[in-house]
Protein backbone atom coordinates (compact mmCIF):
# COMPACT_ATOMS: atom_id res chain seq x y z
CA MET A 1 -34.81 -15.37 -20.43
CA LYS A 2 -36.79 -13.02 -17.51
CA LYS A 3 -38.01 -9.21 -18.90
CA ILE A 4 -35.35 -6.74 -17.77
CA GLU A 5 -37.31 -4.72 -15.21
CA LYS A 6 -37.24 -0.84 -15.34
CA ARG A 7 -35.28 -0.74 -11.51
CA GLN A 8 -32.73 -3.39 -13.31
CA TRP A 9 -31.99 -0.82 -16.26
CA THR A 10 -31.49 2.64 -13.51
CA GLY A 11 -29.75 0.29 -11.25
CA PHE A 12 -27.14 -0.61 -13.90
CA ALA A 13 -26.96 2.38 -15.61
CA ILE A 14 -25.78 4.09 -12.08
CA TRP A 15 -22.76 1.33 -11.39
CA THR A 16 -21.88 1.63 -14.52
CA VAL A 17 -21.24 5.68 -14.77
CA ILE A 18 -19.33 5.25 -11.52
CA TYR A 19 -17.16 2.67 -12.90
CA VAL A 20 -16.66 3.55 -16.20
CA LEU A 21 -15.29 6.99 -14.50
CA PHE A 22 -13.20 5.05 -11.44
CA THR A 23 -11.80 3.23 -15.22
CA ILE A 24 -10.65 6.10 -16.61
CA TRP A 25 -9.00 8.33 -13.01
CA MET A 26 -7.03 4.76 -12.79
CA GLY A 27 -5.50 5.07 -16.31
CA ASN A 28 -6.39 1.30 -16.62
CA PRO A 29 -8.96 0.38 -19.65
CA TRP A 30 -8.61 -3.36 -19.24
CA LEU A 31 -10.70 -2.46 -15.73
CA LEU A 32 -13.19 -2.20 -18.46
CA PHE A 33 -13.92 -6.01 -19.20
CA GLY A 34 -15.02 -6.05 -14.88
CA LEU A 35 -18.58 -4.28 -16.83
CA ILE A 36 -19.65 -7.93 -17.95
CA VAL A 37 -19.71 -8.25 -13.95
CA LEU A 38 -21.89 -5.93 -13.84
CA VAL A 39 -24.31 -6.93 -16.60
CA ASP A 40 -24.50 -10.29 -15.35
CA ILE A 41 -25.56 -9.08 -11.51
CA TYR A 42 -28.42 -6.68 -12.32
CA LEU A 43 -29.65 -7.76 -16.16
CA THR A 44 -28.55 -11.21 -17.09
CA LYS A 45 -28.14 -12.69 -14.03
CA PHE A 46 -26.30 -15.97 -15.30
CA ILE A 47 -24.77 -16.11 -11.68
CA PRO A 48 -27.09 -16.89 -8.35
CA TRP A 49 -25.43 -14.12 -7.17
CA SER A 50 -28.01 -14.15 -4.79
CA ALA A 51 -29.49 -17.57 -4.48
CA TRP A 52 -28.64 -17.69 -0.55
CA LYS A 53 -31.90 -15.40 0.09
CA GLN A 54 -33.82 -18.09 -1.05
CA SER A 55 -33.07 -20.53 1.16
CA LYS A 56 -35.67 -22.07 3.28
CA ASN A 57 -33.82 -22.37 6.66
CA LYS A 58 -33.89 -19.08 8.16
CA ARG A 59 -31.05 -19.89 10.47
CA VAL A 60 -28.47 -19.59 7.19
CA ARG A 61 -30.72 -17.22 5.53
CA GLU A 62 -29.34 -15.49 8.55
CA MET A 63 -25.90 -16.31 8.74
CA LEU A 64 -25.11 -15.60 5.23
CA GLU A 65 -26.94 -12.21 5.07
CA TRP A 66 -24.36 -11.53 8.08
CA VAL A 67 -21.89 -12.66 6.33
CA ASP A 68 -22.93 -10.82 2.77
CA ASP A 69 -23.22 -7.34 4.52
CA LEU A 70 -19.80 -8.06 6.08
CA LEU A 71 -18.13 -8.74 2.58
CA PHE A 72 -19.50 -5.29 1.49
CA ALA A 73 -18.11 -3.34 4.59
CA LEU A 74 -14.55 -5.37 4.34
CA VAL A 75 -14.27 -3.87 0.52
CA ALA A 76 -15.62 -0.95 0.96
CA VAL A 77 -13.14 -0.17 3.62
CA TYR A 78 -10.44 -1.67 1.67
CA LEU A 79 -11.04 0.63 -0.90
CA ILE A 80 -11.62 3.99 0.71
CA ASN A 81 -7.98 2.42 2.87
CA LEU A 82 -6.71 2.23 -0.51
CA PHE A 83 -8.07 5.79 -2.11
CA VAL A 84 -9.67 8.13 0.12
CA PHE A 85 -8.39 8.14 3.25
CA GLN A 86 -7.20 6.53 5.89
CA ASN A 87 -6.47 6.46 9.65
CA TYR A 88 -3.17 6.99 11.20
CA GLN A 89 -1.90 7.20 14.94
CA ILE A 90 1.26 9.62 16.45
CA PRO A 91 3.49 6.71 17.62
CA SER A 92 6.29 9.38 18.42
CA SER A 93 7.46 12.59 20.05
CA SER A 94 9.22 13.52 16.31
CA LEU A 95 6.73 16.56 15.24
CA GLU A 96 5.56 17.45 18.80
CA LYS A 97 4.33 20.38 19.52
CA THR A 98 3.14 20.29 16.28
CA LEU A 99 1.64 16.49 16.36
CA LEU A 100 1.52 15.11 19.22
CA VAL A 101 1.91 11.95 20.64
CA GLY A 102 -2.05 10.19 21.43
CA ASP A 103 -3.11 12.42 18.16
CA PHE A 104 -5.26 10.62 16.05
CA LEU A 105 -5.69 11.31 12.18
CA PHE A 106 -7.21 11.77 8.82
CA VAL A 107 -4.41 10.82 6.02
CA SER A 108 -6.25 12.17 3.13
CA LYS A 109 -4.73 10.62 -0.21
CA LEU A 110 -6.82 12.46 -2.88
CA SER A 111 -4.56 15.54 -2.01
CA TYR A 112 -1.07 14.44 -3.46
CA GLY A 113 -3.62 11.47 -5.80
CA PRO A 114 -3.69 8.06 -4.27
CA ARG A 115 -1.43 5.19 -5.35
CA VAL A 116 -2.18 2.32 -7.11
CA PRO A 117 -1.24 -0.34 -4.49
CA ASN A 118 2.02 -2.70 -5.12
CA THR A 119 0.09 -5.97 -3.73
CA PRO A 120 -3.03 -5.69 -4.05
CA LEU A 121 -4.21 -8.91 -2.12
CA SER A 122 -3.85 -7.23 1.90
CA PHE A 123 -6.44 -7.30 4.53
CA PRO A 124 -7.56 -4.06 4.56
CA LEU A 125 -6.63 -1.82 8.30
CA VAL A 126 -3.63 -3.72 9.42
CA GLN A 127 -0.32 -2.62 6.90
CA ASN A 128 2.14 -5.00 7.31
CA THR A 129 1.43 -7.92 10.55
CA LEU A 130 -1.69 -9.59 10.96
CA PRO A 131 -1.98 -9.13 14.43
CA ILE A 132 -2.74 -12.71 16.76
CA LEU A 133 -0.99 -14.92 13.95
CA ASN A 134 1.91 -12.47 13.54
CA CYS A 135 3.10 -13.24 9.75
CA LYS A 136 2.73 -11.32 6.88
CA SER A 137 -0.92 -8.75 5.92
CA TYR A 138 -0.41 -9.76 2.06
CA LEU A 139 0.29 -11.34 -0.78
CA GLU A 140 3.47 -10.56 -2.42
CA TRP A 141 1.95 -11.44 -5.73
CA PRO A 142 0.72 -10.50 -7.93
CA LEU A 143 3.15 -7.13 -7.59
CA TRP A 144 2.48 -4.06 -9.51
CA GLY A 145 5.03 -1.43 -9.99
CA TYR A 146 4.36 2.29 -9.33
CA LYS A 147 1.48 4.61 -10.43
CA ARG A 148 -0.72 8.15 -8.71
CA VAL A 149 -3.66 8.37 -10.15
CA ALA A 150 -4.87 12.05 -10.37
CA GLY A 151 -5.15 13.89 -6.75
CA PHE A 152 -6.23 17.44 -5.81
CA GLY A 153 -2.41 18.88 -5.55
CA THR A 154 1.75 17.81 -5.31
CA VAL A 155 4.02 18.25 -1.83
CA LYS A 156 5.14 21.62 -1.08
CA ARG A 157 7.37 23.37 1.22
CA ASN A 158 5.94 22.60 4.71
CA ASP A 159 3.39 20.10 3.66
CA ILE A 160 2.93 17.54 6.97
CA VAL A 161 3.07 14.24 4.80
CA VAL A 162 2.78 10.39 5.70
CA PHE A 163 5.11 8.08 4.04
CA ASN A 164 5.92 4.38 4.12
CA PHE A 165 9.69 4.71 5.66
CA PRO A 166 12.03 4.51 2.33
CA ALA A 167 14.65 2.66 4.81
CA GLY A 168 12.24 -0.16 5.88
CA ASP A 169 12.94 -1.89 2.54
CA THR A 170 14.40 -4.94 4.58
CA VAL A 171 13.87 -5.59 7.93
CA ALA A 172 15.16 -7.16 10.63
CA LEU A 173 11.96 -8.43 12.52
CA ARG A 174 13.82 -8.37 15.81
CA MET A 175 15.17 -5.03 15.72
CA GLN A 176 13.79 -2.75 13.63
CA ASN A 177 14.95 0.47 15.73
CA PRO A 178 17.38 1.24 14.50
CA ASP A 179 16.95 0.38 10.48
CA TYR A 180 18.60 -2.49 8.57
CA TYR A 181 21.15 -0.32 6.99
CA TYR A 182 22.28 1.26 10.77
CA LEU A 183 23.01 -2.71 11.69
CA VAL A 184 24.77 -3.66 8.95
CA SER A 185 27.14 -0.33 9.16
CA GLN A 186 27.65 -0.93 13.20
CA PHE A 187 28.11 -4.84 12.77
CA GLY A 188 28.70 -6.17 9.60
CA ARG A 189 25.90 -7.82 7.00
CA GLU A 190 27.22 -11.33 7.69
CA THR A 191 26.30 -11.12 11.79
CA ILE A 192 22.99 -9.91 11.44
CA HIS A 193 21.99 -12.68 9.03
CA ALA A 194 24.03 -15.53 10.76
CA HIS A 195 22.14 -13.88 14.03
CA PRO A 196 18.24 -14.72 13.88
CA GLU A 197 18.10 -15.02 17.48
CA VAL A 198 19.45 -11.89 17.93
CA TYR A 199 18.09 -9.88 15.15
CA GLY A 200 15.37 -12.08 13.58
CA GLU A 201 14.24 -12.77 10.15
CA VAL A 202 16.07 -10.29 8.02
CA ILE A 203 12.70 -9.87 4.80
CA TYR A 204 11.90 -7.27 2.44
CA ARG A 205 8.53 -5.59 2.63
CA PRO A 206 6.90 -3.34 -0.77
CA VAL A 207 6.73 0.21 -0.56
CA ASP A 208 3.11 0.20 0.17
CA LYS A 209 3.99 -2.30 3.43
CA ARG A 210 6.69 -0.22 4.99
CA GLU A 211 6.08 1.05 8.05
CA ASN A 212 4.15 5.00 8.12
CA TYR A 213 6.14 7.61 8.83
CA VAL A 214 5.04 11.24 8.93
CA LYS A 215 7.34 14.56 9.18
CA ARG A 216 7.27 17.82 7.42
CA CYS A 217 8.36 18.42 4.25
CA VAL A 218 11.56 20.83 4.06
CA GLY A 219 13.11 21.08 0.89
CA LEU A 220 11.21 20.17 -2.53
CA PRO A 221 13.34 18.18 -5.00
CA GLY A 222 15.91 20.15 -7.06
CA ASP A 223 17.06 22.18 -3.80
CA THR A 224 19.65 22.52 -2.38
CA LEU A 225 20.17 22.18 1.25
CA LEU A 226 21.62 23.27 4.61
CA ILE A 227 21.21 23.27 8.28
CA SER A 228 23.95 25.49 9.92
CA ASP A 229 23.21 25.82 14.23
CA ASN A 230 19.82 24.17 14.09
CA GLN A 231 18.55 26.90 11.16
CA LEU A 232 17.65 25.66 8.10
CA TYR A 233 18.74 26.91 4.73
CA ILE A 234 16.94 26.59 1.14
CA ASN A 235 18.60 27.48 -1.70
CA GLY A 236 20.67 29.75 0.31
CA GLU A 237 17.28 31.15 1.90
CA LYS A 238 17.56 31.49 6.08
CA MET A 239 13.95 29.82 6.17
CA GLN A 240 11.54 30.70 8.66
CA ASN A 241 11.42 27.87 11.70
CA PRO A 242 7.38 26.32 12.75
CA GLU A 243 6.47 28.34 15.27
CA ASN A 244 6.21 25.16 17.12
CA MET A 245 9.50 23.82 16.61
CA GLN A 246 11.67 22.03 19.86
CA LEU A 247 15.03 22.15 20.29
CA ASN A 248 16.79 19.67 23.25
CA TYR A 249 18.09 22.27 26.10
CA TYR A 250 20.01 21.55 29.34
CA ILE A 251 18.63 23.22 32.64
CA GLU A 252 20.67 23.49 35.35
CA THR A 253 18.95 24.59 38.95
CA ASN A 254 20.14 26.19 42.32
CA GLY A 255 18.62 22.50 43.38
CA SER A 256 15.15 23.01 43.93
CA PRO A 257 13.23 21.19 40.95
CA LEU A 258 11.18 21.81 38.82
CA THR A 259 8.18 20.83 39.32
CA ASP A 260 4.85 19.32 37.75
CA PRO A 261 2.76 22.29 37.15
CA GLN A 262 6.17 24.33 35.93
CA PHE A 263 6.67 21.29 33.28
CA ASN A 264 2.95 21.12 32.42
CA ALA A 265 3.36 24.93 31.93
CA LEU A 266 6.02 24.26 29.23
CA GLY A 267 4.12 21.32 27.84
CA VAL A 268 6.80 18.79 28.55
CA SER A 269 5.32 15.49 29.12
CA LYS A 270 6.54 12.77 31.62
CA ALA A 271 8.53 10.72 28.95
CA ASP A 272 10.44 14.12 28.41
CA ARG A 273 12.09 14.96 31.33
CA ARG A 274 15.26 13.38 32.61
CA ILE A 275 17.16 14.11 35.45
CA VAL A 276 20.73 13.81 34.17
CA SER A 277 22.91 15.87 37.25
CA GLY A 278 22.77 12.20 38.58
CA ASP A 279 24.00 10.19 36.30
CA ALA A 280 27.44 8.67 35.88
CA ASN A 281 27.41 8.32 32.41
CA SER A 282 26.64 12.40 31.56
CA ARG A 283 29.85 13.52 33.96
CA ALA A 284 31.61 14.21 30.38
CA LEU A 285 28.83 15.47 28.11
CA LEU A 286 28.40 17.95 31.37
CA GLU A 287 31.82 18.93 31.35
CA TYR A 288 31.21 19.45 28.10
CA LEU A 289 27.96 21.51 27.56
CA GLY A 290 29.91 23.86 30.26
CA PHE A 291 28.41 22.94 33.49
CA ASP A 292 30.54 22.76 36.70
CA VAL A 293 30.99 21.23 39.44
CA ASN A 294 29.81 22.97 42.98
CA ALA A 295 31.90 22.67 46.05
CA ASN A 296 30.46 18.80 46.95
CA GLY A 297 31.61 17.84 43.35
CA GLN A 298 28.55 16.95 42.70
CA PHE A 299 26.41 18.84 39.55
CA ASN A 300 23.83 20.95 40.44
CA LEU A 301 20.09 19.63 39.16
CA ILE A 302 20.19 19.49 35.35
CA TYR A 303 17.80 18.11 33.52
CA SER A 304 17.64 17.40 29.22
CA VAL A 305 13.89 18.59 28.57
CA PRO A 306 13.00 19.72 24.21
CA LEU A 307 11.56 23.02 24.42
CA THR A 308 9.47 25.38 21.83
CA ALA A 309 11.04 29.39 21.17
CA LYS A 310 8.00 30.16 23.63
CA ALA A 311 8.97 28.06 26.21
CA LEU A 312 12.66 28.44 26.38
CA GLU A 313 11.81 32.55 27.02
CA ALA A 314 9.38 31.19 29.83
CA VAL A 315 11.98 29.38 31.15
CA LYS A 316 14.41 31.87 31.60
CA LYS A 317 11.88 33.62 33.79
CA ILE A 318 11.47 30.32 36.32
CA PRO A 319 13.78 32.13 39.38
CA SER A 320 15.52 28.15 40.19
CA VAL A 321 17.00 28.53 36.97
CA LYS A 322 20.12 28.87 37.11
CA LYS A 323 22.02 28.10 33.92
CA ILE A 324 20.00 27.11 30.14
CA VAL A 325 22.71 24.87 27.39
CA VAL A 326 21.14 24.07 24.80
CA ASP A 327 22.10 20.24 23.11
CA ARG A 328 24.74 20.21 21.05
CA ASP A 329 25.26 16.74 18.64
CA GLU A 330 29.01 16.15 17.48
CA TRP A 331 28.35 12.26 18.00
CA SER A 332 25.27 11.05 15.46
CA ALA A 333 25.45 8.60 12.66
CA VAL A 334 23.77 10.50 9.73
CA TYR A 335 23.50 9.93 6.05
CA PRO A 336 25.06 8.54 4.26
CA VAL A 337 26.18 5.99 7.14
CA GLY A 338 29.76 4.96 7.03
CA TYR A 339 30.66 7.58 4.86
CA ARG A 340 32.85 10.61 6.23
CA THR A 341 31.61 13.90 5.40
CA GLY A 342 31.26 15.79 8.20
CA TRP A 343 27.73 16.23 8.75
CA MET A 344 25.99 16.07 12.03
CA ARG A 345 22.30 15.88 13.06
CA ASP A 346 22.46 20.61 13.48
CA ASN A 347 25.20 21.39 10.84
CA TYR A 348 23.97 19.18 7.40
CA GLY A 349 24.76 19.41 4.38
CA PRO A 350 25.36 21.55 1.89
CA VAL A 351 23.31 18.40 0.29
CA TRP A 352 20.97 18.78 -3.13
CA ILE A 353 18.02 16.75 -3.47
CA PRO A 354 17.07 14.19 -6.36
CA LYS A 355 15.28 16.18 -9.05
CA LYS A 356 12.76 13.87 -11.96
CA GLY A 357 14.71 14.06 -14.69
CA ALA A 358 17.88 15.39 -14.00
CA THR A 359 21.52 14.05 -13.73
CA ILE A 360 24.11 13.55 -11.75
CA GLU A 361 28.22 13.00 -12.56
CA LEU A 362 28.68 9.32 -10.22
CA ASN A 363 31.93 9.73 -8.06
CA GLU A 364 32.85 8.87 -4.64
CA PHE A 365 30.50 11.40 -3.49
CA ASN A 366 27.29 10.99 -5.14
CA LEU A 367 27.67 7.01 -4.68
CA ALA A 368 27.55 7.33 -1.47
CA LEU A 369 24.90 10.02 -1.39
CA TYR A 370 22.64 9.29 -3.79
CA GLY A 371 23.67 5.15 -4.30
CA ARG A 372 20.23 4.19 -2.96
CA CYS A 373 18.24 5.80 -4.28
CA ILE A 374 19.49 4.29 -7.61
CA GLY A 375 19.15 1.04 -6.32
CA ASN A 376 17.02 0.40 -3.76
CA TYR A 377 14.23 3.18 -5.28
CA GLU A 378 14.84 3.34 -8.68
CA ASN A 379 15.10 -0.54 -9.23
CA ASN A 380 18.42 -0.91 -10.45
CA THR A 381 21.82 -3.66 -10.21
CA LEU A 382 24.01 -1.23 -8.90
CA GLN A 383 27.76 -2.77 -8.03
CA ILE A 384 30.57 -0.02 -6.96
CA LEU A 385 34.08 -1.47 -8.41
CA PRO A 386 37.48 -1.26 -6.20
CA ASN A 387 39.03 1.38 -8.61
CA GLY A 388 35.70 3.40 -8.19
CA LYS A 389 33.49 3.06 -10.93
CA ALA A 390 30.25 2.35 -11.60
CA LEU A 391 28.29 -0.56 -12.84
CA ILE A 392 24.29 -0.45 -13.50
CA ASN A 393 22.85 -2.98 -14.87
CA GLY A 394 25.73 -4.32 -15.70
CA LYS A 395 26.78 -1.59 -17.57
CA GLU A 396 29.64 1.22 -16.63
CA GLU A 397 28.51 4.31 -16.64
CA THR A 398 29.91 7.84 -15.30
CA SER A 399 26.42 9.31 -15.11
CA TYR A 400 22.72 8.76 -14.20
CA THR A 401 18.95 10.60 -13.81
CA PHE A 402 16.65 10.08 -12.03
CA LYS A 403 13.13 8.54 -12.95
CA TYR A 404 11.50 9.82 -9.05
CA ASP A 405 11.25 13.26 -7.33
CA TYR A 406 12.39 13.24 -4.04
CA TYR A 407 12.00 15.08 -0.86
CA PHE A 408 13.78 15.55 2.59
CA MET A 409 11.61 15.16 5.66
CA MET A 410 12.72 16.41 9.25
CA GLY A 411 10.53 16.22 12.21
CA ASP A 412 9.79 19.39 13.85
CA ASN A 413 11.01 18.26 17.47
CA ARG A 414 14.10 18.90 15.96
CA HIS A 415 16.02 17.31 18.17
CA ASN A 416 14.78 13.54 19.24
CA SER A 417 13.79 13.12 15.00
CA ALA A 418 15.28 9.42 13.22
CA ASP A 419 14.10 12.02 9.78
CA SER A 420 16.49 12.65 6.32
CA ARG A 421 19.12 13.48 7.75
CA SER A 422 19.74 9.68 9.14
CA TRP A 423 18.28 7.40 6.98
CA GLY A 424 18.10 9.70 4.07
CA PHE A 425 15.15 11.18 1.18
CA VAL A 426 11.78 10.25 0.13
CA PRO A 427 11.33 8.93 -2.76
CA GLU A 428 8.04 10.63 -4.88
CA ASP A 429 6.65 6.46 -5.06
CA HIS A 430 6.42 6.68 -0.85
CA VAL A 431 4.39 9.29 -0.67
CA VAL A 432 1.08 8.07 1.57
CA GLY A 433 -0.63 11.49 1.97
CA LYS A 434 -1.61 13.98 3.81
CA PRO A 435 -2.73 14.65 7.64
CA LEU A 436 -6.71 16.67 6.90
CA LEU A 437 -7.73 16.08 10.61
CA ILE A 438 -7.39 15.13 14.90
CA TRP A 439 -10.52 13.03 14.92
CA LEU A 440 -9.02 11.84 18.58
CA SER A 441 -6.30 13.16 21.01
CA ILE A 442 -5.34 10.81 23.95
CA ASP A 443 -2.96 11.76 26.12
CA LYS A 444 -1.16 9.52 28.19
CA ASP A 445 0.16 11.00 31.28
CA LYS A 446 -3.79 11.56 31.91
CA SER A 447 -6.25 9.30 32.90
CA LEU A 448 -9.10 9.38 30.55
CA LEU A 449 -11.64 10.91 33.08
CA ASN A 450 -9.39 13.61 34.17
CA GLY A 451 -8.05 15.22 31.24
CA GLY A 452 -6.72 12.63 29.49
CA ILE A 453 -8.76 13.51 26.20
CA ARG A 454 -7.35 16.84 24.11
CA TRP A 455 -10.26 17.98 23.68
CA ASN A 456 -8.91 21.37 22.89
CA ARG A 457 -7.22 19.24 19.69
CA MET A 458 -10.05 17.53 18.85
CA PHE A 459 -11.19 17.98 15.57
CA LYS A 460 -7.97 20.16 14.24
CA SER A 461 -7.38 20.57 11.42
CA GLY A 462 -4.86 20.00 8.51
CA ASN A 463 -4.23 24.32 7.48
CA LYS A 464 -3.90 24.35 11.83
CA PHE A 465 -0.73 22.21 12.55
């Protein structure tokens, strides 16, 4: 055996300390077997890890050097993406004006503690589907359970949180929005599974491969939440609304259209401006909202736009604006889907948010409200008998104790956000991380050379969201 040089011992010692600390952090002593690999790489060298460097063929050496660098980069990116941070792009307007469509975020996984992946064998930087090939980006074996390692803190009220979409456990690939459970409530399970040409193949996705969503946490485990006339109450206390919270309003003018500069000053994008007065399908709605037709039997020019409280005050000062009415919702489907609660988007609850260790009675209402938590999220077999009694894992139960904490998430763009009012609670094992920084922001309404990059949002930190 060759003499082991000092630099080999030094390299081995440094990486051993790093690896042991990582093992302690993961809380998995089985990882210590990986030290055998470090011993061989730095000391014994029974396996010729760098034999390719001795090749006499220059092209072979160059090619294998490129492969070696690529593999190292992939492994590094994979580990960073799993345990430190990941990139996330805001795809929809549900958090405007707090976060805008086109914002690119660094999401910290250390803020709440990174999860050990459910699917450790997966392609880095791809959520669930490989582009071009259009196939799964992960292997379903091995499939590990939920474990979260130590982080810097826990989810707090009003935190903006990135999480895996809870209702994304089952997906109809050709029709992913609305979610599978809403489709079942509207068309029936048999119809969806019998028509793959319409709905696509129905698949199951592990927790860490469900789509990423970002919302504001407004309700914590154990809270009782109520929304009354768009105002949020927690445990009976009126909550302060986010500074940039938006509601939808119908704006009637005296006939003069609002201009692009006016909309820009209000912060209303082109995608959010909608003229409804010329839409025959909107006539009943406008009459319901209290708008009157003019002498010609037609409505004046009426827009539907989302506005912050500050923008609303600015609209009131526009001379051509005649009337402003907040949107009222009487028809939306809310969680729990298929169960009549009388709740609506703007008047929701009161609802208790499940807390780890808390016990509930299994009555009709609680089974409707928490059945998905018991069955889908906490991995029990739940069966509700015709007499209303519940079988959990084959045993009749009259109560249930929760294994996880749950959160209630909402978008700041309250009338344009599919959130916990639509699909329910977010289990703790679905929490991904916390946005730390906007590193790029692109305005799709403008060209890159003409204001397309929102420089004023660059490097805006999470405590200013």
